[in-house]
Amino acid sequence: MTARASGYVDGVYTGPAADAYYGLVQLQAVIENGRLSAIKILQYPSDRRTSVYINRQALPLLRDEAVSAQSAKVDIVSGATLTSRAFIRSLGGALKQAAL
């Protein structure tokens, strides 16, 4: 792993599993060249039809916004408040590990 000037150390960091009421949200942050380049969703609530629908809508939006912002400080998706908060907690934990 190498440190870069932008604030993160290159590598793959797994965030904590965060409770989204109907299940857990957990993800990995991929850091390349000191920047958040990708987010992999490891788990999310998917045992109920409503959860699947909500998460298929919200998680890509949250992922794209976080990569664009280079941070876990993203807006909560309307209608997916619990998922959004769990996403932010898990990503925040992963980025904390990656911080210089």
C-alpha atoms as a PDB file:
ATOM      1  CA  MET A   1       0.000   0.000   0.000  1.00  0.00           C
ATOM      2  CA  THR A   2       1.250   3.440  -0.838  1.00  0.00           C
ATOM      3  CA  ALA A   3       0.289   6.825   0.530  1.00  0.00           C
ATOM      4  CA  ARG A   4      -0.786   9.542  -1.856  1.00  0.00           C
ATOM      5  CA  ALA A   5      -1.134  13.283  -1.488  1.00  0.00           C
ATOM      6  CA  SER A   6      -4.937  13.283  -1.670  1.00  0.00           C
ATOM      7  CA  GLY A   7      -5.517  11.798   1.765  1.00  0.00           C
ATOM      8  CA  TYR A   8      -6.055   8.043   1.378  1.00  0.00           C
ATOM      9  CA  VAL A   9      -3.688   5.086   1.327  1.00  0.00           C
ATOM     10  CA  ASP A  10      -4.130   2.760  -1.649  1.00  0.00           C
ATOM     11  CA  GLY A  11      -5.832  -0.533  -0.884  1.00  0.00           C
ATOM     12  CA  VAL A  12      -9.197  -2.176  -0.280  1.00  0.00           C
ATOM     13  CA  TYR A  13     -10.877  -1.373   3.034  1.00  0.00           C
ATOM     14  CA  THR A  14     -13.932  -3.099   4.460  1.00  0.00           C
ATOM     15  CA  GLY A  15     -16.331  -0.989   6.467  1.00  0.00           C
ATOM     16  CA  PRO A  16     -18.302  -2.282   9.446  1.00  0.00           C
ATOM     17  CA  ALA A  17     -21.680  -3.896   8.900  1.00  0.00           C
ATOM     18  CA  ALA A  18     -24.228  -1.211   9.759  1.00  0.00           C
ATOM     19  CA  ASP A  19     -27.825  -1.898  10.740  1.00  0.00           C
ATOM     20  CA  ALA A  20     -30.433  -0.652   8.278  1.00  0.00           C
ATOM     21  CA  TYR A  21     -33.322  -2.040  10.358  1.00  0.00           C
ATOM     22  CA  TYR A  22     -34.341  -4.724   7.831  1.00  0.00           C
ATOM     23  CA  GLY A  23     -30.784  -5.998   7.496  1.00  0.00           C
ATOM     24  CA  LEU A  24     -27.163  -4.988   7.391  1.00  0.00           C
ATOM     25  CA  VAL A  25     -25.314  -2.818   4.899  1.00  0.00           C
ATOM     26  CA  GLN A  26     -21.602  -3.457   4.482  1.00  0.00           C
ATOM     27  CA  LEU A  27     -19.236  -2.310   1.783  1.00  0.00           C
ATOM     28  CA  GLN A  28     -15.645  -2.067   0.676  1.00  0.00           C
ATOM     29  CA  ALA A  29     -13.898   1.100  -0.421  1.00  0.00           C
ATOM     30  CA  VAL A  30     -11.308   0.722  -3.166  1.00  0.00           C
ATOM     31  CA  ILE A  31      -8.581   3.360  -3.047  1.00  0.00           C
ATOM     32  CA  GLU A  32      -6.338   3.828  -6.087  1.00  0.00           C
ATOM     33  CA  ASN A  33      -3.800   6.610  -6.519  1.00  0.00           C
ATOM     34  CA  GLY A  34      -4.958   8.071  -3.212  1.00  0.00           C
ATOM     35  CA  ARG A  35      -8.567   8.460  -4.395  1.00  0.00           C
ATOM     36  CA  LEU A  36     -11.783   6.578  -3.742  1.00  0.00           C
ATOM     37  CA  SER A  37     -12.188   4.813  -7.091  1.00  0.00           C
ATOM     38  CA  ALA A  38     -14.930   2.274  -6.372  1.00  0.00           C
ATOM     39  CA  ILE A  39     -17.300   1.013  -3.726  1.00  0.00           C
ATOM     40  CA  LYS A  40     -18.290  -2.646  -3.581  1.00  0.00           C
ATOM     41  CA  ILE A  41     -21.532  -3.489  -1.819  1.00  0.00           C
ATOM     42  CA  LEU A  42     -20.896  -6.658   0.202  1.00  0.00           C
ATOM     43  CA  GLN A  43     -24.322  -6.983   1.780  1.00  0.00           C
ATOM     44  CA  TYR A  44     -27.617  -5.162   1.971  1.00  0.00           C
ATOM     45  CA  PRO A  45     -31.172  -6.004   3.048  1.00  0.00           C
ATOM     46  CA  SER A  46     -32.529  -8.248   0.302  1.00  0.00           C
ATOM     47  CA  ASP A  47     -34.934 -10.698   1.913  1.00  0.00           C
ATOM     48  CA  ARG A  48     -38.066  -8.584   1.323  1.00  0.00           C
ATOM     49  CA  ARG A  49     -39.336  -7.374  -2.035  1.00  0.00           C
ATOM     50  CA  THR A  50     -39.602  -3.801  -0.756  1.00  0.00           C
ATOM     51  CA  SER A  51     -36.006  -3.852   0.524  1.00  0.00           C
ATOM     52  CA  VAL A  52     -34.726  -5.124  -2.824  1.00  0.00           C
ATOM     53  CA  TYR A  53     -36.624  -2.382  -4.667  1.00  0.00           C
ATOM     54  CA  ILE A  54     -35.403   0.393  -2.369  1.00  0.00           C
ATOM     55  CA  ASN A  55     -31.800  -0.769  -2.351  1.00  0.00           C
ATOM     56  CA  ARG A  56     -31.592  -1.258  -6.109  1.00  0.00           C
ATOM     57  CA  GLN A  57     -32.594   2.376  -6.441  1.00  0.00           C
ATOM     58  CA  ALA A  58     -30.655   3.929  -3.556  1.00  0.00           C
ATOM     59  CA  LEU A  59     -27.322   2.094  -3.421  1.00  0.00           C
ATOM     60  CA  PRO A  60     -26.129   3.056  -6.929  1.00  0.00           C
ATOM     61  CA  LEU A  61     -27.012   6.696  -6.225  1.00  0.00           C
ATOM     62  CA  LEU A  62     -25.163   6.662  -2.912  1.00  0.00           C
ATOM     63  CA  ARG A  63     -22.167   4.884  -4.448  1.00  0.00           C
ATOM     64  CA  ASP A  64     -21.877   7.358  -7.328  1.00  0.00           C
ATOM     65  CA  GLU A  65     -22.287  10.380  -5.073  1.00  0.00           C
ATOM     66  CA  ALA A  66     -19.661   9.109  -2.607  1.00  0.00           C
ATOM     67  CA  VAL A  67     -17.108   8.446  -5.350  1.00  0.00           C
ATOM     68  CA  SER A  68     -17.778  11.884  -6.817  1.00  0.00           C
ATOM     69  CA  ALA A  69     -17.475  13.532  -3.377  1.00  0.00           C
ATOM     70  CA  GLN A  70     -14.476  11.388  -2.363  1.00  0.00           C
ATOM     71  CA  SER A  71     -16.180  11.141   1.013  1.00  0.00           C
ATOM     72  CA  ALA A  72     -18.896   9.446   3.051  1.00  0.00           C
ATOM     73  CA  LYS A  73     -20.536  12.847   3.453  1.00  0.00           C
ATOM     74  CA  VAL A  74     -23.379  12.320   1.013  1.00  0.00           C
ATOM     75  CA  ASP A  75     -27.048  13.250   0.964  1.00  0.00           C
ATOM     76  CA  ILE A  76     -29.610  10.783   2.251  1.00  0.00           C
ATOM     77  CA  VAL A  77     -31.771   9.318  -0.509  1.00  0.00           C
ATOM     78  CA  SER A  78     -35.441  10.123   0.026  1.00  0.00           C
ATOM     79  CA  GLY A  79     -37.377   6.953   0.779  1.00  0.00           C
ATOM     80  CA  ALA A  80     -34.197   5.107   1.731  1.00  0.00           C
ATOM     81  CA  THR A  81     -33.215   6.904   4.915  1.00  0.00           C
ATOM     82  CA  LEU A  82     -32.190   3.802   6.881  1.00  0.00           C
ATOM     83  CA  THR A  83     -30.189   2.375   3.990  1.00  0.00           C
ATOM     84  CA  SER A  84     -28.530   5.752   3.425  1.00  0.00           C
ATOM     85  CA  ARG A  85     -27.500   6.091   7.064  1.00  0.00           C
ATOM     86  CA  ALA A  86     -26.121   2.534   7.131  1.00  0.00           C
ATOM     87  CA  PHE A  87     -24.233   3.168   3.868  1.00  0.00           C
ATOM     88  CA  ILE A  88     -22.704   6.339   5.317  1.00  0.00           C
ATOM     89  CA  ARG A  89     -21.642   4.529   8.530  1.00  0.00           C
ATOM     90  CA  SER A  90     -20.057   1.616   6.685  1.00  0.00           C
ATOM     91  CA  LEU A  91     -18.263   3.816   4.139  1.00  0.00           C
ATOM     92  CA  GLY A  92     -17.135   6.181   6.882  1.00  0.00           C
ATOM     93  CA  GLY A  93     -15.539   3.261   8.712  1.00  0.00           C
ATOM     94  CA  ALA A  94     -13.762   2.067   5.580  1.00  0.00           C
ATOM     95  CA  LEU A  95     -12.467   5.531   4.723  1.00  0.00           C
ATOM     96  CA  LYS A  96     -11.304   6.064   8.304  1.00  0.00           C
ATOM     97  CA  GLN A  97      -9.054   3.018   7.858  1.00  0.00           C
ATOM     98  CA  ALA A  98      -7.757   4.429   4.562  1.00  0.00           C
ATOM     99  CA  ALA A  99      -7.070   7.935   5.873  1.00  0.00           C
ATOM    100  CA  LEU A 100      -3.492   9.101   6.196  1.00  0.00           C
END
